[in-house]
């Protein structure tokens, strides 16, 4: 499977925070090609190969944003709440999949602009004024949908011009693909280090998957993989990273300075394009949960630029995925050489 199809296949699996089972089962199957993998109590996919030398953890979260059914009204409309932080601005009129007894197509309700009154057109969007229409009566809906069922955004997976691709849930499934690609690149070459992989649950809500998963493994080093704010026509360029110019290496008080420097040196030595992503405090990623786990873990952050985060049309550049995987692979091979010296 090439890297583009790998990203698409991972992103299409259902796996909202706290209900990651389908995505986890697929990711575990793929990870099992390289190491023994299992699902832990919290829903993380965890794998380890080797039992000597430096112990390195590679983490990417497996969960995605979405919605949850909180009520079925008298007309059969589903009232919802959010799972994680979906962009409410793009939910009106959006297509969704309700994961009930069977997967059901639905659309999110919208009041036509012709019927909006006064200043309501300019009012902030409130999820409590939205409902999912699945075209059923209350009695029919209750046979297939239960309170607590999850809902995901439904959009086509497309190839744009150049090497850009679009899909829901590239956050953070594209980084799962990065790790799998790096493992493929180093297959059979790592004999003197220990490598663990954590496809962590619940990043979009609490970060608890990375916290418990890294505590159970207690590696010497950890690299958290996540998406970063990709450039678009309107955002401040000092707060975004460009698509197609390589992954970003995080710089933050919560990240290990020497580890960060080492990753940059590898990029310079191996001609891997990279960018900087400077954060003055917490990173907002699993790195924040991992670095202060147990006795403390030296942690770095590598991010893939992604446009339109937390919408149904997240856009990434394939070359950024490939270069992020190359960075991980070269880091693992460097550690292998050091432990073999």
C-alpha atoms as a PDB file:
ATOM      1  CA  UNK A   1       0.000   0.000   0.000  1.00  0.00           C
ATOM      2  CA  UNK A   2       1.488   3.380  -0.965  1.00  0.00           C
ATOM      3  CA  UNK A   3       1.548   6.217   1.530  1.00  0.00           C
ATOM      4  CA  UNK A   4      -1.387   8.051  -0.071  1.00  0.00           C
ATOM      5  CA  UNK A   5      -3.679   5.028   0.089  1.00  0.00           C
ATOM      6  CA  UNK A   6      -2.446   4.275   3.597  1.00  0.00           C
ATOM      7  CA  UNK A   7      -3.526   7.749   4.752  1.00  0.00           C
ATOM      8  CA  UNK A   8      -6.912   7.368   3.063  1.00  0.00           C
ATOM      9  CA  UNK A   9      -7.556   3.883   4.470  1.00  0.00           C
ATOM     10  CA  UNK A  10      -6.693   4.935   8.018  1.00  0.00           C
ATOM     11  CA  UNK A  11      -8.781   8.112   7.845  1.00  0.00           C
ATOM     12  CA  UNK A  12     -11.954   6.342   6.724  1.00  0.00           C
ATOM     13  CA  UNK A  13     -12.207   4.187   9.858  1.00  0.00           C
ATOM     14  CA  UNK A  14     -14.624   5.294  12.573  1.00  0.00           C
ATOM     15  CA  UNK A  15     -12.893   6.203  15.814  1.00  0.00           C
ATOM     16  CA  UNK A  16     -14.207   9.172  17.788  1.00  0.00           C
ATOM     17  CA  UNK A  17     -12.680   9.766  21.220  1.00  0.00           C
ATOM     18  CA  UNK A  18     -13.702   7.038  23.639  1.00  0.00           C
ATOM     19  CA  UNK A  19     -15.060   4.892  20.807  1.00  0.00           C
ATOM     20  CA  UNK A  20     -11.923   4.167  18.784  1.00  0.00           C
ATOM     21  CA  UNK A  21     -12.460   0.425  18.341  1.00  0.00           C
ATOM     22  CA  UNK A  22     -12.829   0.215  14.536  1.00  0.00           C
ATOM     23  CA  UNK A  23      -9.860   2.492  13.895  1.00  0.00           C
ATOM     24  CA  UNK A  24      -7.804   0.680  16.540  1.00  0.00           C
ATOM     25  CA  UNK A  25      -8.479  -2.759  15.097  1.00  0.00           C
ATOM     26  CA  UNK A  26      -7.322  -1.647  11.663  1.00  0.00           C
ATOM     27  CA  UNK A  27      -4.245   0.167  12.984  1.00  0.00           C
ATOM     28  CA  UNK A  28      -3.347  -2.831  15.155  1.00  0.00           C
ATOM     29  CA  UNK A  29      -3.548  -5.094  12.117  1.00  0.00           C
ATOM     30  CA  UNK A  30      -1.142  -2.832  10.218  1.00  0.00           C
ATOM     31  CA  UNK A  31       1.230  -2.456  13.173  1.00  0.00           C
ATOM     32  CA  UNK A  32       1.358  -6.237  13.636  1.00  0.00           C
ATOM     33  CA  UNK A  33       3.417  -6.423  10.439  1.00  0.00           C
ATOM     34  CA  UNK A  34       6.326  -4.979  12.406  1.00  0.00           C
ATOM     35  CA  UNK A  35       5.834  -5.929  16.067  1.00  0.00           C
ATOM     36  CA  UNK A  36       3.531  -7.638  18.504  1.00  0.00           C
ATOM     37  CA  UNK A  37       0.583  -5.287  19.023  1.00  0.00           C
ATOM     38  CA  UNK A  38      -2.350  -5.236  21.391  1.00  0.00           C
ATOM     39  CA  UNK A  39      -5.119  -2.957  22.630  1.00  0.00           C
ATOM     40  CA  UNK A  40      -4.888  -1.891  26.272  1.00  0.00           C
ATOM     41  CA  UNK A  41      -7.611  -1.156  28.843  1.00  0.00           C
ATOM     42  CA  UNK A  42      -8.077   2.467  27.765  1.00  0.00           C
ATOM     43  CA  UNK A  43      -8.253   1.640  24.053  1.00  0.00           C
ATOM     44  CA  UNK A  44      -4.696   2.469  22.995  1.00  0.00           C
ATOM     45  CA  UNK A  45      -2.939   0.338  20.403  1.00  0.00           C
ATOM     46  CA  UNK A  46       0.455  -0.551  21.864  1.00  0.00           C
ATOM     47  CA  UNK A  47       3.351  -2.419  20.282  1.00  0.00           C
ATOM     48  CA  UNK A  48       7.004  -3.040  21.133  1.00  0.00           C
ATOM     49  CA  UNK A  49       9.928  -4.698  19.365  1.00  0.00           C
ATOM     50  CA  UNK A  50      13.333  -5.383  20.892  1.00  0.00           C
ATOM     51  CA  UNK A  51      14.328  -5.456  24.548  1.00  0.00           C
ATOM     52  CA  UNK A  52      17.725  -3.792  24.795  1.00  0.00           C
ATOM     53  CA  UNK A  53      19.496  -0.497  24.241  1.00  0.00           C
ATOM     54  CA  UNK A  54      17.768   2.874  24.125  1.00  0.00           C
ATOM     55  CA  UNK A  55      13.980   2.646  24.391  1.00  0.00           C
ATOM     56  CA  UNK A  56      12.189   4.981  21.964  1.00  0.00           C
ATOM     57  CA  UNK A  57       8.445   5.637  21.841  1.00  0.00           C
ATOM     58  CA  UNK A  58       6.636   6.872  18.720  1.00  0.00           C
ATOM     59  CA  UNK A  59       3.167   8.243  19.444  1.00  0.00           C
ATOM     60  CA  UNK A  60       0.261   9.363  17.238  1.00  0.00           C
ATOM     61  CA  UNK A  61      -3.320   9.633  18.420  1.00  0.00           C
ATOM     62  CA  UNK A  62      -5.885   7.348  16.816  1.00  0.00           C
ATOM     63  CA  UNK A  63      -9.077   9.195  17.814  1.00  0.00           C
ATOM     64  CA  UNK A  64     -10.945  11.798  15.783  1.00  0.00           C
ATOM     65  CA  UNK A  65     -13.391  14.605  16.491  1.00  0.00           C
ATOM     66  CA  UNK A  66     -17.106  14.076  16.024  1.00  0.00           C
ATOM     67  CA  UNK A  67     -20.532  14.322  17.638  1.00  0.00           C
ATOM     68  CA  UNK A  68     -22.593  12.235  20.038  1.00  0.00           C
ATOM     69  CA  UNK A  69     -26.375  11.694  20.142  1.00  0.00           C
ATOM     70  CA  UNK A  70     -27.893  13.205  23.291  1.00  0.00           C
ATOM     71  CA  UNK A  71     -31.618  13.072  22.461  1.00  0.00           C
ATOM     72  CA  UNK A  72     -34.113  11.920  19.812  1.00  0.00           C
ATOM     73  CA  UNK A  73     -36.949  14.422  19.561  1.00  0.00           C
ATOM     74  CA  UNK A  74     -40.623  13.809  18.742  1.00  0.00           C
ATOM     75  CA  UNK A  75     -40.036  14.283  15.006  1.00  0.00           C
ATOM     76  CA  UNK A  76     -37.087  11.905  14.827  1.00  0.00           C
ATOM     77  CA  UNK A  77     -34.361  14.550  14.705  1.00  0.00           C
ATOM     78  CA  UNK A  78     -31.171  13.725  16.611  1.00  0.00           C
ATOM     79  CA  UNK A  79     -29.969  16.370  19.043  1.00  0.00           C
ATOM     80  CA  UNK A  80     -26.229  16.209  19.543  1.00  0.00           C
ATOM     81  CA  UNK A  81     -23.249  17.308  21.553  1.00  0.00           C
ATOM     82  CA  UNK A  82     -19.620  17.484  20.468  1.00  0.00           C
ATOM     83  CA  UNK A  83     -16.815  14.970  20.896  1.00  0.00           C
ATOM     84  CA  UNK A  84     -13.604  16.944  20.956  1.00  0.00           C
ATOM     85  CA  UNK A  85     -13.600  20.220  19.083  1.00  0.00           C
ATOM     86  CA  UNK A  86     -15.323  20.071  15.673  1.00  0.00           C
ATOM     87  CA  UNK A  87     -15.434  23.421  13.882  1.00  0.00           C
ATOM     88  CA  UNK A  88     -19.041  24.467  14.446  1.00  0.00           C
ATOM     89  CA  UNK A  89     -18.916  26.956  11.565  1.00  0.00           C
ATOM     90  CA  UNK A  90     -18.861  24.185   8.970  1.00  0.00           C
ATOM     91  CA  UNK A  91     -21.387  21.854  10.590  1.00  0.00           C
ATOM     92  CA  UNK A  92     -24.500  23.607   9.298  1.00  0.00           C
ATOM     93  CA  UNK A  93     -25.724  21.599   6.312  1.00  0.00           C
ATOM     94  CA  UNK A  94     -22.886  19.091   6.635  1.00  0.00           C
ATOM     95  CA  UNK A  95     -23.237  15.433   5.691  1.00  0.00           C
ATOM     96  CA  UNK A  96     -22.628  12.980   8.528  1.00  0.00           C
ATOM     97  CA  UNK A  97     -22.649   9.274   9.336  1.00  0.00           C
ATOM     98  CA  UNK A  98     -24.542   8.158  12.427  1.00  0.00           C
ATOM     99  CA  UNK A  99     -22.933   5.013  13.821  1.00  0.00           C
ATOM    100  CA  UNK A 100     -25.979   3.288  15.274  1.00  0.00           C
ATOM    101  CA  UNK A 101     -27.063  -0.325  14.896  1.00  0.00           C
ATOM    102  CA  UNK A 102     -26.034   0.240  11.288  1.00  0.00           C
ATOM    103  CA  UNK A 103     -24.303   3.243   9.737  1.00  0.00           C
ATOM    104  CA  UNK A 104     -26.913   5.818   8.720  1.00  0.00           C
ATOM    105  CA  UNK A 105     -26.512   8.787   6.404  1.00  0.00           C
ATOM    106  CA  UNK A 106     -27.658  12.105   7.841  1.00  0.00           C
ATOM    107  CA  UNK A 107     -27.449  15.848   7.337  1.00  0.00           C
ATOM    108  CA  UNK A 108     -27.175  18.594   9.928  1.00  0.00           C
ATOM    109  CA  UNK A 109     -30.147  20.950   9.941  1.00  0.00           C
ATOM    110  CA  UNK A 110     -29.926  24.484   8.624  1.00  0.00           C
ATOM    111  CA  UNK A 111     -32.379  27.383   8.707  1.00  0.00           C
ATOM    112  CA  UNK A 112     -32.435  28.988   5.231  1.00  0.00           C
ATOM    113  CA  UNK A 113     -31.121  32.569   5.247  1.00  0.00           C
ATOM    114  CA  UNK A 114     -34.512  33.724   3.889  1.00  0.00           C
ATOM    115  CA  UNK A 115     -36.172  32.652   7.171  1.00  0.00           C
ATOM    116  CA  UNK A 116     -33.584  34.036   9.542  1.00  0.00           C
ATOM    117  CA  UNK A 117     -34.712  37.099  11.408  1.00  0.00           C
ATOM    118  CA  UNK A 118     -32.950  40.303  12.397  1.00  0.00           C
ATOM    119  CA  UNK A 119     -29.373  39.828  13.492  1.00  0.00           C
ATOM    120  CA  UNK A 120     -29.651  36.032  13.722  1.00  0.00           C
ATOM    121  CA  UNK A 121     -27.544  35.735  10.559  1.00  0.00           C
ATOM    122  CA  UNK A 122     -24.610  37.164  12.470  1.00  0.00           C
ATOM    123  CA  UNK A 123     -25.124  35.370  15.772  1.00  0.00           C
ATOM    124  CA  UNK A 124     -22.551  32.884  17.008  1.00  0.00           C
ATOM    125  CA  UNK A 125     -23.220  29.258  16.155  1.00  0.00           C
ATOM    126  CA  UNK A 126     -24.677  27.154  18.948  1.00  0.00           C
ATOM    127  CA  UNK A 127     -24.630  23.357  18.734  1.00  0.00           C
ATOM    128  CA  UNK A 128     -27.827  23.265  20.772  1.00  0.00           C
ATOM    129  CA  UNK A 129     -29.684  24.802  17.826  1.00  0.00           C
ATOM    130  CA  UNK A 130     -28.545  22.042  15.436  1.00  0.00           C
ATOM    131  CA  UNK A 131     -30.036  18.624  14.812  1.00  0.00           C
ATOM    132  CA  UNK A 132     -29.193  15.667  12.592  1.00  0.00           C
ATOM    133  CA  UNK A 133     -31.875  14.708  10.099  1.00  0.00           C
ATOM    134  CA  UNK A 134     -31.818  10.997   9.194  1.00  0.00           C
ATOM    135  CA  UNK A 135     -35.243  11.105   7.549  1.00  0.00           C
ATOM    136  CA  UNK A 136     -36.949   8.894  10.121  1.00  0.00           C
ATOM    137  CA  UNK A 137     -39.802   9.173  12.562  1.00  0.00           C
ATOM    138  CA  UNK A 138     -39.016   9.004  16.261  1.00  0.00           C
ATOM    139  CA  UNK A 139     -40.241   5.404  16.434  1.00  0.00           C
ATOM    140  CA  UNK A 140     -38.115   4.291  13.471  1.00  0.00           C
ATOM    141  CA  UNK A 141     -35.066   6.202  14.637  1.00  0.00           C
ATOM    142  CA  UNK A 142     -35.169   4.648  18.112  1.00  0.00           C
ATOM    143  CA  UNK A 143     -34.906   1.182  16.559  1.00  0.00           C
ATOM    144  CA  UNK A 144     -31.531   2.015  15.007  1.00  0.00           C
ATOM    145  CA  UNK A 145     -30.101   4.873  17.070  1.00  0.00           C
ATOM    146  CA  UNK A 146     -29.377   5.036  20.795  1.00  0.00           C
ATOM    147  CA  UNK A 147     -28.386   7.867  23.091  1.00  0.00           C
ATOM    148  CA  UNK A 148     -24.592   7.990  23.083  1.00  0.00           C
ATOM    149  CA  UNK A 149     -24.111   6.772  19.507  1.00  0.00           C
ATOM    150  CA  UNK A 150     -21.297   8.597  17.729  1.00  0.00           C
ATOM    151  CA  UNK A 151     -21.494  10.688  14.579  1.00  0.00           C
ATOM    152  CA  UNK A 152     -18.675  11.461  12.169  1.00  0.00           C
ATOM    153  CA  UNK A 153     -18.331  13.911   9.304  1.00  0.00           C
ATOM    154  CA  UNK A 154     -18.885  12.470   5.848  1.00  0.00           C
ATOM    155  CA  UNK A 155     -16.880  13.939   2.978  1.00  0.00           C
ATOM    156  CA  UNK A 156     -15.247  12.505  -0.094  1.00  0.00           C
ATOM    157  CA  UNK A 157     -11.588  11.547  -0.050  1.00  0.00           C
ATOM    158  CA  UNK A 158     -10.056  13.388  -2.972  1.00  0.00           C
ATOM    159  CA  UNK A 159      -6.770  14.121  -4.669  1.00  0.00           C
ATOM    160  CA  UNK A 160      -6.183  17.807  -5.343  1.00  0.00           C
ATOM    161  CA  UNK A 161      -3.697  19.164  -7.851  1.00  0.00           C
ATOM    162  CA  UNK A 162      -0.043  18.561  -7.079  1.00  0.00           C
ATOM    163  CA  UNK A 163       0.430  16.108  -4.221  1.00  0.00           C
ATOM    164  CA  UNK A 164      -2.323  17.454  -1.954  1.00  0.00           C
ATOM    165  CA  UNK A 165      -5.018  15.094  -0.688  1.00  0.00           C
ATOM    166  CA  UNK A 166      -8.190  15.783   1.274  1.00  0.00           C
ATOM    167  CA  UNK A 167     -10.239  13.739   3.743  1.00  0.00           C
ATOM    168  CA  UNK A 168     -11.955  13.934   7.107  1.00  0.00           C
ATOM    169  CA  UNK A 169      -9.844  12.695  10.028  1.00  0.00           C
ATOM    170  CA  UNK A 170      -6.329  13.187   8.655  1.00  0.00           C
ATOM    171  CA  UNK A 171      -5.908  14.585  12.194  1.00  0.00           C
ATOM    172  CA  UNK A 172      -4.220  12.422  13.339  1.00  0.00           C
ATOM    173  CA  UNK A 173      -4.469   9.338  11.106  1.00  0.00           C
ATOM    174  CA  UNK A 174      -1.895  10.758   8.690  1.00  0.00           C
ATOM    175  CA  UNK A 175       0.630  10.602  11.550  1.00  0.00           C
ATOM    176  CA  UNK A 176      -0.272   6.966  12.191  1.00  0.00           C
ATOM    177  CA  UNK A 177       0.700   6.505   8.548  1.00  0.00           C
ATOM    178  CA  UNK A 178       3.994   8.339   9.168  1.00  0.00           C
ATOM    179  CA  UNK A 179       4.940   5.895  11.922  1.00  0.00           C
ATOM    180  CA  UNK A 180       3.990   2.839   9.864  1.00  0.00           C
ATOM    181  CA  UNK A 181       6.010   4.161   6.920  1.00  0.00           C
ATOM    182  CA  UNK A 182       9.043   4.748   9.168  1.00  0.00           C
ATOM    183  CA  UNK A 183       8.781   1.178  10.471  1.00  0.00           C
ATOM    184  CA  UNK A 184       8.699  -0.099   6.897  1.00  0.00           C
ATOM    185  CA  UNK A 185      11.798   1.947   6.058  1.00  0.00           C
ATOM    186  CA  UNK A 186      13.731   0.488   8.997  1.00  0.00           C
ATOM    187  CA  UNK A 187      12.377  -3.074   8.843  1.00  0.00           C
ATOM    188  CA  UNK A 188      15.113  -5.597   9.720  1.00  0.00           C
ATOM    189  CA  UNK A 189      17.615  -2.846  10.550  1.00  0.00           C
ATOM    190  CA  UNK A 190      16.902  -2.272  14.250  1.00  0.00           C
ATOM    191  CA  UNK A 191      18.518  -4.932  16.423  1.00  0.00           C
ATOM    192  CA  UNK A 192      20.135  -3.026  19.279  1.00  0.00           C
ATOM    193  CA  UNK A 193      17.372  -0.658  20.412  1.00  0.00           C
ATOM    194  CA  UNK A 194      13.843  -1.037  21.730  1.00  0.00           C
ATOM    195  CA  UNK A 195      11.070   0.641  19.737  1.00  0.00           C
ATOM    196  CA  UNK A 196       7.542   1.087  21.070  1.00  0.00           C
ATOM    197  CA  UNK A 197       4.564   2.471  19.188  1.00  0.00           C
ATOM    198  CA  UNK A 198       1.520   4.050  20.808  1.00  0.00           C
ATOM    199  CA  UNK A 199      -1.568   4.836  18.760  1.00  0.00           C
ATOM    200  CA  UNK A 200      -3.206   6.663  21.615  1.00  0.00           C
ATOM    201  CA  UNK A 201      -6.880   7.118  22.442  1.00  0.00           C
ATOM    202  CA  UNK A 202      -8.751  10.208  23.637  1.00  0.00           C
ATOM    203  CA  UNK A 203      -6.270  12.910  22.596  1.00  0.00           C
ATOM    204  CA  UNK A 204      -9.061  15.135  21.349  1.00  0.00           C
ATOM    205  CA  UNK A 205     -10.744  15.142  24.760  1.00  0.00           C
ATOM    206  CA  UNK A 206      -8.388  14.493  27.674  1.00  0.00           C
ATOM    207  CA  UNK A 207      -5.005  13.236  26.461  1.00  0.00           C
ATOM    208  CA  UNK A 208      -5.445  10.302  28.827  1.00  0.00           C
ATOM    209  CA  UNK A 209      -4.420   7.663  26.297  1.00  0.00           C
ATOM    210  CA  UNK A 210      -0.934   9.092  25.873  1.00  0.00           C
ATOM    211  CA  UNK A 211      -0.588   9.585  29.631  1.00  0.00           C
ATOM    212  CA  UNK A 212      -1.447   6.017  30.584  1.00  0.00           C
ATOM    213  CA  UNK A 213       0.188   4.453  27.539  1.00  0.00           C
ATOM    214  CA  UNK A 214       3.534   6.166  28.040  1.00  0.00           C
ATOM    215  CA  UNK A 215       3.424   5.385  31.773  1.00  0.00           C
ATOM    216  CA  UNK A 216       3.066   1.673  31.042  1.00  0.00           C
ATOM    217  CA  UNK A 217       6.021   1.774  28.641  1.00  0.00           C
ATOM    218  CA  UNK A 218       8.317   4.351  30.330  1.00  0.00           C
ATOM    219  CA  UNK A 219      10.685   4.841  27.378  1.00  0.00           C
ATOM    220  CA  UNK A 220      13.897   6.842  27.451  1.00  0.00           C
ATOM    221  CA  UNK A 221      12.797   9.037  24.540  1.00  0.00           C
ATOM    222  CA  UNK A 222       9.455   9.829  22.927  1.00  0.00           C
ATOM    223  CA  UNK A 223       8.473  11.547  19.702  1.00  0.00           C
ATOM    224  CA  UNK A 224       4.885  12.729  19.551  1.00  0.00           C
ATOM    225  CA  UNK A 225       3.483  12.990  16.014  1.00  0.00           C
ATOM    226  CA  UNK A 226       0.570  15.319  15.353  1.00  0.00           C
ATOM    227  CA  UNK A 227      -0.731  17.749  12.768  1.00  0.00           C
ATOM    228  CA  UNK A 228       0.104  21.447  12.803  1.00  0.00           C
ATOM    229  CA  UNK A 229      -1.779  24.493  11.543  1.00  0.00           C
ATOM    230  CA  UNK A 230      -1.228  24.553   7.790  1.00  0.00           C
ATOM    231  CA  UNK A 231      -1.025  27.785   5.821  1.00  0.00           C
ATOM    232  CA  UNK A 232      -4.129  29.172   4.141  1.00  0.00           C
ATOM    233  CA  UNK A 233      -4.841  32.494   2.411  1.00  0.00           C
ATOM    234  CA  UNK A 234      -5.990  34.338   5.530  1.00  0.00           C
ATOM    235  CA  UNK A 235      -4.109  33.234   8.647  1.00  0.00           C
ATOM    236  CA  UNK A 236      -1.033  34.890  10.118  1.00  0.00           C
ATOM    237  CA  UNK A 237       1.963  33.238   8.455  1.00  0.00           C
ATOM    238  CA  UNK A 238       3.915  33.434  11.723  1.00  0.00           C
ATOM    239  CA  UNK A 239       1.340  31.092  13.300  1.00  0.00           C
ATOM    240  CA  UNK A 240       1.170  28.488  10.532  1.00  0.00           C
ATOM    241  CA  UNK A 241       3.430  26.035   8.713  1.00  0.00           C
ATOM    242  CA  UNK A 242       3.498  25.670   4.953  1.00  0.00           C
ATOM    243  CA  UNK A 243       2.284  22.554   3.167  1.00  0.00           C
ATOM    244  CA  UNK A 244       4.905  20.876   0.999  1.00  0.00           C
ATOM    245  CA  UNK A 245       7.941  22.238   2.838  1.00  0.00           C
ATOM    246  CA  UNK A 246       8.454  19.351   5.227  1.00  0.00           C
ATOM    247  CA  UNK A 247       7.302  18.512   8.742  1.00  0.00           C
ATOM    248  CA  UNK A 248       7.748  21.004  11.554  1.00  0.00           C
ATOM    249  CA  UNK A 249       9.910  20.356  14.590  1.00  0.00           C
ATOM    250  CA  UNK A 250       8.320  21.735  17.725  1.00  0.00           C
ATOM    251  CA  UNK A 251      10.097  24.193  20.014  1.00  0.00           C
ATOM    252  CA  UNK A 252       8.463  24.654  23.403  1.00  0.00           C
ATOM    253  CA  UNK A 253       9.321  24.824  27.123  1.00  0.00           C
ATOM    254  CA  UNK A 254       7.624  21.427  27.512  1.00  0.00           C
ATOM    255  CA  UNK A 255       9.907  19.788  24.908  1.00  0.00           C
ATOM    256  CA  UNK A 256      13.480  18.609  25.455  1.00  0.00           C
ATOM    257  CA  UNK A 257      15.827  21.180  23.921  1.00  0.00           C
ATOM    258  CA  UNK A 258      18.677  18.776  23.115  1.00  0.00           C
ATOM    259  CA  UNK A 259      16.295  16.235  21.597  1.00  0.00           C
ATOM    260  CA  UNK A 260      14.801  18.940  19.404  1.00  0.00           C
ATOM    261  CA  UNK A 261      18.281  20.025  18.330  1.00  0.00           C
ATOM    262  CA  UNK A 262      19.182  16.422  17.458  1.00  0.00           C
ATOM    263  CA  UNK A 263      16.191  16.098  15.128  1.00  0.00           C
ATOM    264  CA  UNK A 264      17.128  19.325  13.355  1.00  0.00           C
ATOM    265  CA  UNK A 265      20.702  18.098  12.913  1.00  0.00           C
ATOM    266  CA  UNK A 266      19.452  14.872  11.343  1.00  0.00           C
ATOM    267  CA  UNK A 267      17.330  16.877   8.894  1.00  0.00           C
ATOM    268  CA  UNK A 268      20.312  19.029   7.942  1.00  0.00           C
ATOM    269  CA  UNK A 269      22.623  16.042   7.546  1.00  0.00           C
ATOM    270  CA  UNK A 270      20.155  13.926   5.524  1.00  0.00           C
ATOM    271  CA  UNK A 271      18.723  16.806   3.464  1.00  0.00           C
ATOM    272  CA  UNK A 272      15.232  16.403   4.889  1.00  0.00           C
ATOM    273  CA  UNK A 273      13.217  19.636   4.551  1.00  0.00           C
ATOM    274  CA  UNK A 274      11.763  20.840   7.838  1.00  0.00           C
ATOM    275  CA  UNK A 275      10.168  23.854   9.472  1.00  0.00           C
ATOM    276  CA  UNK A 276      10.031  25.340  12.969  1.00  0.00           C
ATOM    277  CA  UNK A 277       6.898  25.526  15.101  1.00  0.00           C
ATOM    278  CA  UNK A 278       7.549  27.710  18.144  1.00  0.00           C
ATOM    279  CA  UNK A 279       5.142  27.549  21.098  1.00  0.00           C
ATOM    280  CA  UNK A 280       5.556  29.648  24.222  1.00  0.00           C
ATOM    281  CA  UNK A 281       3.943  27.151  26.566  1.00  0.00           C
ATOM    282  CA  UNK A 282       2.119  23.853  26.194  1.00  0.00           C
ATOM    283  CA  UNK A 283       2.016  22.331  22.727  1.00  0.00           C
ATOM    284  CA  UNK A 284      -1.633  21.218  22.791  1.00  0.00           C
ATOM    285  CA  UNK A 285      -0.528  17.720  21.753  1.00  0.00           C
ATOM    286  CA  UNK A 286       0.246  14.402  23.417  1.00  0.00           C
ATOM    287  CA  UNK A 287       3.762  15.682  24.057  1.00  0.00           C
ATOM    288  CA  UNK A 288       2.323  17.571  27.038  1.00  0.00           C
ATOM    289  CA  UNK A 289       1.000  14.332  28.544  1.00  0.00           C
ATOM    290  CA  UNK A 290       4.083  12.235  27.791  1.00  0.00           C
ATOM    291  CA  UNK A 291       6.950  14.432  28.939  1.00  0.00           C
ATOM    292  CA  UNK A 292       5.929  14.582  32.616  1.00  0.00           C
ATOM    293  CA  UNK A 293       4.805  10.960  32.932  1.00  0.00           C
ATOM    294  CA  UNK A 294       6.362   8.826  35.669  1.00  0.00           C
ATOM    295  CA  UNK A 295       9.940   9.891  36.280  1.00  0.00           C
ATOM    296  CA  UNK A 296       9.833  12.079  33.164  1.00  0.00           C
ATOM    297  CA  UNK A 297      10.457  11.270  29.505  1.00  0.00           C
ATOM    298  CA  UNK A 298      12.618  13.234  27.058  1.00  0.00           C
ATOM    299  CA  UNK A 299      10.052  14.271  24.469  1.00  0.00           C
ATOM    300  CA  UNK A 300      10.120  15.898  21.042  1.00  0.00           C
ATOM    301  CA  UNK A 301       7.303  16.906  18.712  1.00  0.00           C
ATOM    302  CA  UNK A 302       7.099  16.467  14.943  1.00  0.00           C
ATOM    303  CA  UNK A 303       4.052  17.878  13.143  1.00  0.00           C
ATOM    304  CA  UNK A 304       2.596  17.418   9.670  1.00  0.00           C
ATOM    305  CA  UNK A 305       1.153  20.640   8.190  1.00  0.00           C
ATOM    306  CA  UNK A 306      -2.626  20.342   7.766  1.00  0.00           C
ATOM    307  CA  UNK A 307      -5.137  22.866   6.456  1.00  0.00           C
ATOM    308  CA  UNK A 308      -8.739  23.254   7.686  1.00  0.00           C
ATOM    309  CA  UNK A 309      -8.243  21.364  10.945  1.00  0.00           C
ATOM    310  CA  UNK A 310     -11.297  19.770  12.603  1.00  0.00           C
ATOM    311  CA  UNK A 311     -13.425  20.009   9.465  1.00  0.00           C
ATOM    312  CA  UNK A 312     -14.529  17.347   6.997  1.00  0.00           C
ATOM    313  CA  UNK A 313     -12.006  18.498   4.385  1.00  0.00           C
ATOM    314  CA  UNK A 314      -8.591  18.384   6.015  1.00  0.00           C
ATOM    315  CA  UNK A 315      -5.791  18.850   3.476  1.00  0.00           C
ATOM    316  CA  UNK A 316      -2.228  17.519   3.661  1.00  0.00           C
ATOM    317  CA  UNK A 317       0.723  17.189   1.296  1.00  0.00           C
ATOM    318  CA  UNK A 318       1.963  13.656   0.587  1.00  0.00           C
ATOM    319  CA  UNK A 319       5.594  14.778   0.470  1.00  0.00           C
ATOM    320  CA  UNK A 320       5.293  16.054   4.059  1.00  0.00           C
ATOM    321  CA  UNK A 321       4.171  12.575   5.153  1.00  0.00           C
ATOM    322  CA  UNK A 322       7.123  10.998   3.358  1.00  0.00           C
ATOM    323  CA  UNK A 323       9.644  13.450   4.822  1.00  0.00           C
ATOM    324  CA  UNK A 324       8.246  13.048   8.345  1.00  0.00           C
ATOM    325  CA  UNK A 325       8.617   9.266   7.982  1.00  0.00           C
ATOM    326  CA  UNK A 326      12.154   9.693   6.713  1.00  0.00           C
ATOM    327  CA  UNK A 327      13.024  11.845   9.748  1.00  0.00           C
ATOM    328  CA  UNK A 328      11.706   9.177  12.134  1.00  0.00           C
ATOM    329  CA  UNK A 329      13.536   6.420  10.265  1.00  0.00           C
ATOM    330  CA  UNK A 330      16.839   8.301  10.275  1.00  0.00           C
ATOM    331  CA  UNK A 331      16.486   9.010  13.990  1.00  0.00           C
ATOM    332  CA  UNK A 332      15.892   5.331  14.761  1.00  0.00           C
ATOM    333  CA  UNK A 333      18.864   4.312  12.614  1.00  0.00           C
ATOM    334  CA  UNK A 334      21.049   6.885  14.390  1.00  0.00           C
ATOM    335  CA  UNK A 335      20.090   5.444  17.789  1.00  0.00           C
ATOM    336  CA  UNK A 336      20.727   1.943  16.436  1.00  0.00           C
ATOM    337  CA  UNK A 337      24.235   2.968  15.365  1.00  0.00           C
ATOM    338  CA  UNK A 338      24.955   4.580  18.733  1.00  0.00           C
ATOM    339  CA  UNK A 339      23.873   1.486  20.664  1.00  0.00           C
ATOM    340  CA  UNK A 340      25.894  -0.720  18.308  1.00  0.00           C
ATOM    341  CA  UNK A 341      29.094   1.303  18.754  1.00  0.00           C
END
